[in-house]
PDB file of all heavy atoms in Angstrom:
ATOM      1  N   THR A   1      18.645 -29.474 137.399  1.00  0.00           N
ATOM      2  CA  THR A   1      18.111 -30.684 138.025  1.00  0.00           C
ATOM      3  C   THR A   1      18.020 -31.766 136.964  1.00  0.00           C
ATOM      4  O   THR A   1      18.239 -31.508 135.778  1.00  0.00           O
ATOM      5  CB  THR A   1      16.719 -30.444 138.641  1.00  0.00           C
ATOM      6  OG1 THR A   1      15.823 -29.979 137.615  1.00  0.00           O
ATOM      7  CG2 THR A   1      16.786 -29.425 139.774  1.00  0.00           C
ATOM      8  N   ALA A   2      17.685 -32.972 137.397  1.00  0.00           N
ATOM      9  CA  ALA A   2      17.580 -34.086 136.449  1.00  0.00           C
ATOM     10  C   ALA A   2      16.449 -35.013 136.844  1.00  0.00           C
ATOM     11  O   ALA A   2      16.170 -35.204 138.031  1.00  0.00           O
ATOM     12  CB  ALA A   2      18.892 -34.862 136.396  1.00  0.00           C
ATOM     13  N   SER A   3      15.790 -35.565 135.843  1.00  0.00           N
ATOM     14  CA  SER A   3      14.843 -36.664 136.037  1.00  0.00           C
ATOM     15  C   SER A   3      15.517 -37.908 135.487  1.00  0.00           C
ATOM     16  O   SER A   3      15.452 -38.189 134.282  1.00  0.00           O
ATOM     17  CB  SER A   3      13.528 -36.386 135.290  1.00  0.00           C
ATOM     18  OG  SER A   3      12.871 -35.259 135.832  1.00  0.00           O
ATOM     19  N   THR A   4      16.198 -38.637 136.373  1.00  0.00           N
ATOM     20  CA  THR A   4      17.016 -39.755 135.907  1.00  0.00           C
ATOM     21  C   THR A   4      16.183 -40.841 135.252  1.00  0.00           C
ATOM     22  O   THR A   4      16.646 -41.478 134.312  1.00  0.00           O
ATOM     23  CB  THR A   4      17.820 -40.347 137.084  1.00  0.00           C
ATOM     24  OG1 THR A   4      16.933 -40.700 138.151  1.00  0.00           O
ATOM     25  CG2 THR A   4      18.839 -39.344 137.590  1.00  0.00           C
ATOM     26  N   CYS A   5      14.978 -41.073 135.746  1.00  0.00           N
ATOM     27  CA  CYS A   5      14.140 -42.126 135.171  1.00  0.00           C
ATOM     28  C   CYS A   5      13.754 -41.812 133.724  1.00  0.00           C
ATOM     29  O   CYS A   5      13.564 -42.719 132.913  1.00  0.00           O
ATOM     30  CB  CYS A   5      12.881 -42.329 136.008  1.00  0.00           C
ATOM     31  SG  CYS A   5      13.191 -42.981 137.660  1.00  0.00           S
ATOM     32  N   PHE A   6      13.618 -40.510 133.424  1.00  0.00           N
ATOM     33  CA  PHE A   6      13.250 -40.088 132.068  1.00  0.00           C
ATOM     34  C   PHE A   6      14.465 -39.634 131.267  1.00  0.00           C
ATOM     35  O   PHE A   6      14.317 -39.145 130.140  1.00  0.00           O
ATOM     36  CB  PHE A   6      12.214 -38.964 132.137  1.00  0.00           C
ATOM     37  CG  PHE A   6      10.925 -39.372 132.793  1.00  0.00           C
ATOM     38  CD1 PHE A   6      10.680 -39.056 134.118  1.00  0.00           C
ATOM     39  CD2 PHE A   6       9.983 -40.095 132.093  1.00  0.00           C
ATOM     40  CE1 PHE A   6       9.502 -39.431 134.734  1.00  0.00           C
ATOM     41  CE2 PHE A   6       8.791 -40.488 132.693  1.00  0.00           C
ATOM     42  CZ  PHE A   6       8.548 -40.164 134.026  1.00  0.00           C
ATOM     43  N   GLU A   7      15.673 -39.765 131.884  1.00  0.00           N
ATOM     44  CA  GLU A   7      16.933 -39.420 131.216  1.00  0.00           C
ATOM     45  C   GLU A   7      16.896 -37.988 130.685  1.00  0.00           C
ATOM     46  O   GLU A   7      17.303 -37.704 129.558  1.00  0.00           O
ATOM     47  CB  GLU A   7      17.235 -40.414 130.085  1.00  0.00           C
ATOM     48  CG  GLU A   7      17.336 -41.854 130.593  1.00  0.00           C
ATOM     49  CD  GLU A   7      17.448 -42.882 129.488  1.00  0.00           C
ATOM     50  OE1 GLU A   7      17.189 -42.510 128.326  1.00  0.00           O
ATOM     51  OE2 GLU A   7      17.770 -44.044 129.782  1.00  0.00           O
ATOM     52  N   LYS A   8      16.428 -37.083 131.558  1.00  0.00           N
ATOM     53  CA  LYS A   8      16.238 -35.701 131.148  1.00  0.00           C
ATOM     54  C   LYS A   8      16.997 -34.766 132.084  1.00  0.00           C
ATOM     55  O   LYS A   8      16.885 -34.855 133.308  1.00  0.00           O
ATOM     56  CB  LYS A   8      14.758 -35.344 131.155  1.00  0.00           C
ATOM     57  CG  LYS A   8      14.446 -33.923 130.707  1.00  0.00           C
ATOM     58  CD  LYS A   8      12.953 -33.650 130.769  1.00  0.00           C
ATOM     59  CE  LYS A   8      12.209 -34.434 129.700  1.00  0.00           C
ATOM     60  NZ  LYS A   8      10.767 -34.067 129.671  1.00  0.00           N
ATOM     61  N   LEU A   9      17.780 -33.857 131.506  1.00  0.00           N
ATOM     62  CA  LEU A   9      18.512 -32.832 132.244  1.00  0.00           C
ATOM     63  C   LEU A   9      17.791 -31.511 132.053  1.00  0.00           C
ATOM     64  O   LEU A   9      17.577 -31.062 130.922  1.00  0.00           O
ATOM     65  CB  LEU A   9      19.950 -32.723 131.730  1.00  0.00           C
ATOM     66  CG  LEU A   9      20.829 -31.638 132.365  1.00  0.00           C
ATOM     67  CD1 LEU A   9      21.104 -31.959 133.829  1.00  0.00           C
ATOM     68  CD2 LEU A   9      22.141 -31.487 131.591  1.00  0.00           C
ATOM     69  N   ARG A  10      17.376 -30.871 133.164  1.00  0.00           N
ATOM     70  CA  ARG A  10      16.683 -29.580 133.106  1.00  0.00           C
ATOM     71  C   ARG A  10      17.657 -28.470 133.487  1.00  0.00           C
ATOM     72  O   ARG A  10      18.211 -28.467 134.582  1.00  0.00           O
ATOM     73  CB  ARG A  10      15.478 -29.568 134.050  1.00  0.00           C
ATOM     74  CG  ARG A  10      14.315 -30.434 133.579  1.00  0.00           C
ATOM     75  CD  ARG A  10      13.073 -30.169 134.417  1.00  0.00           C
ATOM     76  NE  ARG A  10      11.934 -30.872 133.873  1.00  0.00           N
ATOM     77  CZ  ARG A  10      11.570 -32.104 134.238  1.00  0.00           C
ATOM     78  NH1 ARG A  10      12.268 -32.743 135.161  1.00  0.00           N
ATOM     79  NH2 ARG A  10      10.521 -32.680 133.691  1.00  0.00           N
ATOM     80  N   LEU A  11      17.828 -27.541 132.579  1.00  0.00           N
ATOM     81  CA  LEU A  11      18.739 -26.420 132.793  1.00  0.00           C
ATOM     82  C   LEU A  11      17.951 -25.117 132.866  1.00  0.00           C
ATOM     83  O   LEU A  11      17.084 -24.864 132.020  1.00  0.00           O
ATOM     84  CB  LEU A  11      19.757 -26.339 131.649  1.00  0.00           C
ATOM     85  CG  LEU A  11      20.645 -27.571 131.462  1.00  0.00           C
ATOM     86  CD1 LEU A  11      21.495 -27.399 130.204  1.00  0.00           C
ATOM     87  CD2 LEU A  11      21.535 -27.790 132.682  1.00  0.00           C
ATOM     88  N   PRO A  12      18.234 -24.274 133.857  1.00  0.00           N
ATOM     89  CA  PRO A  12      17.533 -22.984 133.960  1.00  0.00           C
ATOM     90  C   PRO A  12      17.826 -22.084 132.767  1.00  0.00           C
ATOM     91  O   PRO A  12      18.941 -22.079 132.233  1.00  0.00           O
ATOM     92  CB  PRO A  12      18.099 -22.376 135.251  1.00  0.00           C
ATOM     93  CG  PRO A  12      18.605 -23.544 136.040  1.00  0.00           C
ATOM     94  CD  PRO A  12      19.112 -24.524 135.014  1.00  0.00           C
ATOM     95  N   ARG A  13      16.860 -21.294 132.394  1.00  0.00           N
ATOM     96  CA  ARG A  13      16.998 -20.421 131.235  1.00  0.00           C
ATOM     97  C   ARG A  13      17.650 -19.092 131.578  1.00  0.00           C
ATOM     98  O   ARG A  13      17.997 -18.322 130.681  1.00  0.00           O
ATOM     99  CB  ARG A  13      15.622 -20.156 130.620  1.00  0.00           C
ATOM    100  CG  ARG A  13      14.674 -19.432 131.576  1.00  0.00           C
ATOM    101  CD  ARG A  13      13.313 -19.217 131.006  1.00  0.00           C
ATOM    102  NE  ARG A  13      13.336 -18.282 129.892  1.00  0.00           N
ATOM    103  CZ  ARG A  13      12.232 -17.759 129.347  1.00  0.00           C
ATOM    104  NH1 ARG A  13      11.035 -18.089 129.819  1.00  0.00           N
ATOM    105  NH2 ARG A  13      12.318 -16.935 128.336  1.00  0.00           N
ATOM    106  N   HIS A  14      17.827 -18.802 132.882  1.00  0.00           N
ATOM    107  CA  HIS A  14      18.210 -17.454 133.289  1.00  0.00           C
ATOM    108  C   HIS A  14      19.708 -17.152 133.108  1.00  0.00           C
ATOM    109  O   HIS A  14      20.137 -16.011 133.287  1.00  0.00           O
ATOM    110  CB  HIS A  14      17.833 -17.201 134.755  1.00  0.00           C
ATOM    111  CG  HIS A  14      18.527 -18.116 135.737  1.00  0.00           C
ATOM    112  ND1 HIS A  14      19.852 -17.984 136.089  1.00  0.00           N
ATOM    113  CD2 HIS A  14      18.057 -19.187 136.433  1.00  0.00           C
ATOM    114  CE1 HIS A  14      20.177 -18.911 136.965  1.00  0.00           C
ATOM    115  NE2 HIS A  14      19.102 -19.664 137.194  1.00  0.00           N
ATOM    116  N   TYR A  15      20.510 -18.151 132.762  1.00  0.00           N
ATOM    117  CA  TYR A  15      21.960 -17.913 132.661  1.00  0.00           C
ATOM    118  C   TYR A  15      22.279 -17.010 131.471  1.00  0.00           C
ATOM    119  O   TYR A  15      21.836 -17.240 130.350  1.00  0.00           O
ATOM    120  CB  TYR A  15      22.708 -19.238 132.516  1.00  0.00           C
ATOM    121  CG  TYR A  15      22.639 -20.097 133.751  1.00  0.00           C
ATOM    122  CD1 TYR A  15      21.911 -21.284 133.746  1.00  0.00           C
ATOM    123  CD2 TYR A  15      23.286 -19.724 134.930  1.00  0.00           C
ATOM    124  CE1 TYR A  15      21.831 -22.078 134.876  1.00  0.00           C
ATOM    125  CE2 TYR A  15      23.211 -20.509 136.069  1.00  0.00           C
ATOM    126  CZ  TYR A  15      22.480 -21.688 136.038  1.00  0.00           C
ATOM    127  OH  TYR A  15      22.397 -22.462 137.160  1.00  0.00           O
ATOM    128  N   THR A  16      23.092 -15.995 131.764  1.00  0.00           N
ATOM    129  CA  THR A  16      23.536 -15.084 130.703  1.00  0.00           C
ATOM    130  C   THR A  16      25.056 -15.084 130.550  1.00  0.00           C
ATOM    131  O   THR A  16      25.575 -14.457 129.626  1.00  0.00           O
ATOM    132  CB  THR A  16      23.063 -13.646 130.986  1.00  0.00           C
ATOM    133  OG1 THR A  16      23.542 -13.236 132.277  1.00  0.00           O
ATOM    134  CG2 THR A  16      21.537 -13.565 130.956  1.00  0.00           C
ATOM    135  N   THR A  17      25.764 -15.775 131.457  1.00  0.00           N
ATOM    136  CA  THR A  17      27.219 -15.922 131.337  1.00  0.00           C
ATOM    137  C   THR A  17      27.593 -17.380 131.519  1.00  0.00           C
ATOM    138  O   THR A  17      26.974 -18.106 132.320  1.00  0.00           O
ATOM    139  CB  THR A  17      27.975 -15.083 132.382  1.00  0.00           C
ATOM    140  OG1 THR A  17      27.694 -15.577 133.691  1.00  0.00           O
ATOM    141  CG2 THR A  17      27.589 -13.618 132.280  1.00  0.00           C
ATOM    142  N   TYR A  18      28.612 -17.817 130.795  1.00  0.00           N
ATOM    143  CA  TYR A  18      29.050 -19.209 130.909  1.00  0.00           C
ATOM    144  C   TYR A  18      29.622 -19.499 132.288  1.00  0.00           C
ATOM    145  O   TYR A  18      29.427 -20.592 132.835  1.00  0.00           O
ATOM    146  CB  TYR A  18      30.098 -19.521 129.842  1.00  0.00           C
ATOM    147  CG  TYR A  18      30.684 -20.912 129.985  1.00  0.00           C
ATOM    148  CD1 TYR A  18      29.922 -22.035 129.670  1.00  0.00           C
ATOM    149  CD2 TYR A  18      31.980 -21.101 130.471  1.00  0.00           C
ATOM    150  CE1 TYR A  18      30.433 -23.315 129.828  1.00  0.00           C
ATOM    151  CE2 TYR A  18      32.503 -22.377 130.619  1.00  0.00           C
ATOM    152  CZ  TYR A  18      31.723 -23.479 130.301  1.00  0.00           C
ATOM    153  OH  TYR A  18      32.228 -24.745 130.470  1.00  0.00           O
ATOM    154  N   LYS A  19      30.293 -18.530 132.901  1.00  0.00           N
ATOM    155  CA  LYS A  19      30.919 -18.750 134.205  1.00  0.00           C
ATOM    156  C   LYS A  19      29.882 -19.116 135.257  1.00  0.00           C
ATOM    157  O   LYS A  19      30.071 -20.050 136.041  1.00  0.00           O
ATOM    158  CB  LYS A  19      31.691 -17.506 134.633  1.00  0.00           C
ATOM    159  CG  LYS A  19      32.433 -17.680 135.943  1.00  0.00           C
ATOM    160  CD  LYS A  19      33.250 -16.441 136.274  1.00  0.00           C
ATOM    161  CE  LYS A  19      33.994 -16.641 137.607  1.00  0.00           C
ATOM    162  NZ  LYS A  19      34.798 -15.439 137.955  1.00  0.00           N
ATOM    163  N   ALA A  20      28.769 -18.391 135.290  1.00  0.00           N
ATOM    164  CA  ALA A  20      27.712 -18.690 136.263  1.00  0.00           C
ATOM    165  C   ALA A  20      27.105 -20.064 135.991  1.00  0.00           C
ATOM    166  O   ALA A  20      26.838 -20.833 136.921  1.00  0.00           O
ATOM    167  CB  ALA A  20      26.636 -17.613 136.209  1.00  0.00           C
ATOM    168  N   PHE A  21      26.891 -20.374 134.715  1.00  0.00           N
ATOM    169  CA  PHE A  21      26.357 -21.689 134.342  1.00  0.00           C
ATOM    170  C   PHE A  21      27.299 -22.803 134.788  1.00  0.00           C
ATOM    171  O   PHE A  21      26.877 -23.799 135.387  1.00  0.00           O
ATOM    172  CB  PHE A  21      26.152 -21.745 132.828  1.00  0.00           C
ATOM    173  CG  PHE A  21      25.776 -23.087 132.299  1.00  0.00           C
ATOM    174  CD1 PHE A  21      24.460 -23.514 132.294  1.00  0.00           C
ATOM    175  CD2 PHE A  21      26.747 -23.968 131.817  1.00  0.00           C
ATOM    176  CE1 PHE A  21      24.108 -24.774 131.807  1.00  0.00           C
ATOM    177  CE2 PHE A  21      26.410 -25.220 131.336  1.00  0.00           C
ATOM    178  CZ  PHE A  21      25.081 -25.616 131.335  1.00  0.00           C
ATOM    179  N   GLN A  22      28.587 -22.646 134.515  1.00  0.00           N
ATOM    180  CA  GLN A  22      29.576 -23.674 134.861  1.00  0.00           C
ATOM    181  C   GLN A  22      29.643 -23.887 136.367  1.00  0.00           C
ATOM    182  O   GLN A  22      29.679 -25.035 136.839  1.00  0.00           O
ATOM    183  CB  GLN A  22      30.939 -23.267 134.322  1.00  0.00           C
ATOM    184  CG  GLN A  22      32.045 -24.288 134.606  1.00  0.00           C
ATOM    185  CD  GLN A  22      33.408 -23.765 134.219  1.00  0.00           C
ATOM    186  OE1 GLN A  22      33.653 -22.553 134.304  1.00  0.00           O
ATOM    187  NE2 GLN A  22      34.292 -24.643 133.783  1.00  0.00           N
ATOM    188  N   GLN A  23      29.633 -22.809 137.146  1.00  0.00           N
ATOM    189  CA  GLN A  23      29.719 -22.927 138.596  1.00  0.00           C
ATOM    190  C   GLN A  23      28.533 -23.696 139.155  1.00  0.00           C
ATOM    191  O   GLN A  23      28.699 -24.594 139.994  1.00  0.00           O
ATOM    192  CB  GLN A  23      29.804 -21.540 139.233  1.00  0.00           C
ATOM    193  CG  GLN A  23      31.139 -20.836 139.019  1.00  0.00           C
ATOM    194  CD  GLN A  23      31.162 -19.444 139.604  1.00  0.00           C
ATOM    195  OE1 GLN A  23      30.122 -18.832 139.852  1.00  0.00           O
ATOM    196  NE2 GLN A  23      32.361 -18.910 139.812  1.00  0.00           N
ATOM    197  N   ASP A  24      27.337 -23.367 138.713  1.00  0.00           N
ATOM    198  CA  ASP A  24      26.142 -24.045 139.222  1.00  0.00           C
ATOM    199  C   ASP A  24      26.093 -25.501 138.776  1.00  0.00           C
ATOM    200  O   ASP A  24      25.736 -26.390 139.564  1.00  0.00           O
ATOM    201  CB  ASP A  24      24.875 -23.320 138.746  1.00  0.00           C
ATOM    202  CG  ASP A  24      24.624 -22.041 139.526  1.00  0.00           C
ATOM    203  OD1 ASP A  24      25.403 -21.763 140.467  1.00  0.00           O
ATOM    204  OD2 ASP A  24      23.653 -21.331 139.192  1.00  0.00           O
ATOM    205  N   LEU A  25      26.455 -25.752 137.514  1.00  0.00           N
ATOM    206  CA  LEU A  25      26.408 -27.128 137.021  1.00  0.00           C
ATOM    207  C   LEU A  25      27.434 -27.996 137.747  1.00  0.00           C
ATOM    208  O   LEU A  25      27.138 -29.135 138.126  1.00  0.00           O
ATOM    209  CB  LEU A  25      26.648 -27.167 135.513  1.00  0.00           C
ATOM    210  CG  LEU A  25      26.487 -28.545 134.843  1.00  0.00           C
ATOM    211  CD1 LEU A  25      25.081 -29.092 135.077  1.00  0.00           C
ATOM    212  CD2 LEU A  25      26.782 -28.458 133.355  1.00  0.00           C
ATOM    213  N   CYS A  26      28.630 -27.466 137.977  1.00  0.00           N
ATOM    214  CA  CYS A  26      29.657 -28.227 138.707  1.00  0.00           C
ATOM    215  C   CYS A  26      29.206 -28.521 140.131  1.00  0.00           C
ATOM    216  O   CYS A  26      29.440 -29.618 140.665  1.00  0.00           O
ATOM    217  CB  CYS A  26      30.978 -27.462 138.724  1.00  0.00           C
ATOM    218  SG  CYS A  26      31.856 -27.474 137.151  1.00  0.00           S
ATOM    219  N   ALA A  27      28.565 -27.543 140.770  1.00  0.00           N
ATOM    220  CA  ALA A  27      28.067 -27.768 142.131  1.00  0.00           C
ATOM    221  C   ALA A  27      27.011 -28.863 142.156  1.00  0.00           C
ATOM    222  O   ALA A  27      26.990 -29.702 143.069  1.00  0.00           O
ATOM    223  CB  ALA A  27      27.491 -26.461 142.687  1.00  0.00           C
ATOM    224  N   CYS A  28      26.156 -28.871 141.157  1.00  0.00           N
ATOM    225  CA  CYS A  28      25.070 -29.868 141.122  1.00  0.00           C
ATOM    226  C   CYS A  28      25.589 -31.270 140.812  1.00  0.00           C
ATOM    227  O   CYS A  28      25.206 -32.234 141.481  1.00  0.00           O
ATOM    228  CB  CYS A  28      24.017 -29.460 140.099  1.00  0.00           C
ATOM    229  SG  CYS A  28      23.077 -27.991 140.567  1.00  0.00           S
ATOM    230  N   ILE A  29      26.450 -31.401 139.803  1.00  0.00           N
ATOM    231  CA  ILE A  29      26.908 -32.740 139.430  1.00  0.00           C
ATOM    232  C   ILE A  29      27.840 -33.324 140.477  1.00  0.00           C
ATOM    233  O   ILE A  29      28.034 -34.538 140.531  1.00  0.00           O
ATOM    234  CB  ILE A  29      27.577 -32.758 138.039  1.00  0.00           C
ATOM    235  CG1 ILE A  29      28.882 -31.964 138.039  1.00  0.00           C
ATOM    236  CG2 ILE A  29      26.611 -32.258 136.989  1.00  0.00           C
ATOM    237  CD1 ILE A  29      29.623 -32.029 136.714  1.00  0.00           C
ATOM    238  N   SER A  30      28.414 -32.484 141.348  1.00  0.00           N
ATOM    239  CA  SER A  30      29.257 -33.013 142.418  1.00  0.00           C
ATOM    240  C   SER A  30      28.454 -33.779 143.450  1.00  0.00           C
ATOM    241  O   SER A  30      29.014 -34.478 144.295  1.00  0.00           O
ATOM    242  CB  SER A  30      30.024 -31.875 143.101  1.00  0.00           C
ATOM    243  OG  SER A  30      29.140 -31.029 143.824  1.00  0.00           O
ATOM    244  N   THR A  31      27.117 -33.649 143.403  1.00  0.00           N
ATOM    245  CA  THR A  31      26.251 -34.382 144.338  1.00  0.00           C
ATOM    246  C   THR A  31      25.825 -35.735 143.779  1.00  0.00           C
ATOM    247  O   THR A  31      25.031 -36.433 144.405  1.00  0.00           O
ATOM    248  CB  THR A  31      24.981 -33.567 144.648  1.00  0.00           C
ATOM    249  OG1 THR A  31      24.148 -33.500 143.462  1.00  0.00           O
ATOM    250  CG2 THR A  31      25.331 -32.154 145.077  1.00  0.00           C
ATOM    251  N   SER A  32      26.340 -36.130 142.626  1.00  0.00           N
ATOM    252  CA  SER A  32      25.821 -37.320 141.944  1.00  0.00           C
ATOM    253  C   SER A  32      26.033 -38.601 142.730  1.00  0.00           C
ATOM    254  O   SER A  32      25.335 -39.590 142.501  1.00  0.00           O
ATOM    255  CB  SER A  32      26.459 -37.460 140.549  1.00  0.00           C
ATOM    256  OG  SER A  32      27.864 -37.617 140.662  1.00  0.00           O
ATOM    257  N   TYR A  33      27.009 -38.641 143.665  1.00  0.00           N
ATOM    258  CA  TYR A  33      27.234 -39.834 144.446  1.00  0.00           C
ATOM    259  C   TYR A  33      26.510 -39.800 145.800  1.00  0.00           C
ATOM    260  O   TYR A  33      26.674 -40.719 146.591  1.00  0.00           O
ATOM    261  CB  TYR A  33      28.741 -40.057 144.659  1.00  0.00           C
ATOM    262  CG  TYR A  33      29.426 -40.526 143.418  1.00  0.00           C
ATOM    263  CD1 TYR A  33      30.162 -39.646 142.634  1.00  0.00           C
ATOM    264  CD2 TYR A  33      29.322 -41.854 142.992  1.00  0.00           C
ATOM    265  CE1 TYR A  33      30.785 -40.076 141.466  1.00  0.00           C
ATOM    266  CE2 TYR A  33      29.923 -42.289 141.827  1.00  0.00           C
ATOM    267  CZ  TYR A  33      30.660 -41.401 141.074  1.00  0.00           C
ATOM    268  OH  TYR A  33      31.257 -41.828 139.925  1.00  0.00           O
ATOM    269  N   SER A  34      25.727 -38.740 146.036  1.00  0.00           N
ATOM    270  CA  SER A  34      25.063 -38.656 147.330  1.00  0.00           C
ATOM    271  C   SER A  34      23.569 -38.339 147.231  1.00  0.00           C
ATOM    272  O   SER A  34      22.893 -38.279 148.238  1.00  0.00           O
ATOM    273  CB  SER A  34      25.742 -37.583 148.197  1.00  0.00           C
ATOM    274  OG  SER A  34      25.699 -36.324 147.561  1.00  0.00           O
ATOM    275  N   GLY A  35      23.073 -38.138 146.044  1.00  0.00           N
ATOM    276  CA  GLY A  35      21.667 -37.827 145.922  1.00  0.00           C
ATOM    277  C   GLY A  35      21.236 -37.728 144.474  1.00  0.00           C
ATOM    278  O   GLY A  35      22.008 -37.982 143.565  1.00  0.00           O
TER     279      GLY A  35
END
């Protein structure tokens, strides 16, 4: 998630593989033009 007003990106600590991290991050940033 992100707090845009505070210019802060919050990343979950539970990721243990890069593939899972990349998939979730790509899904989230794809919403940048709609929310």
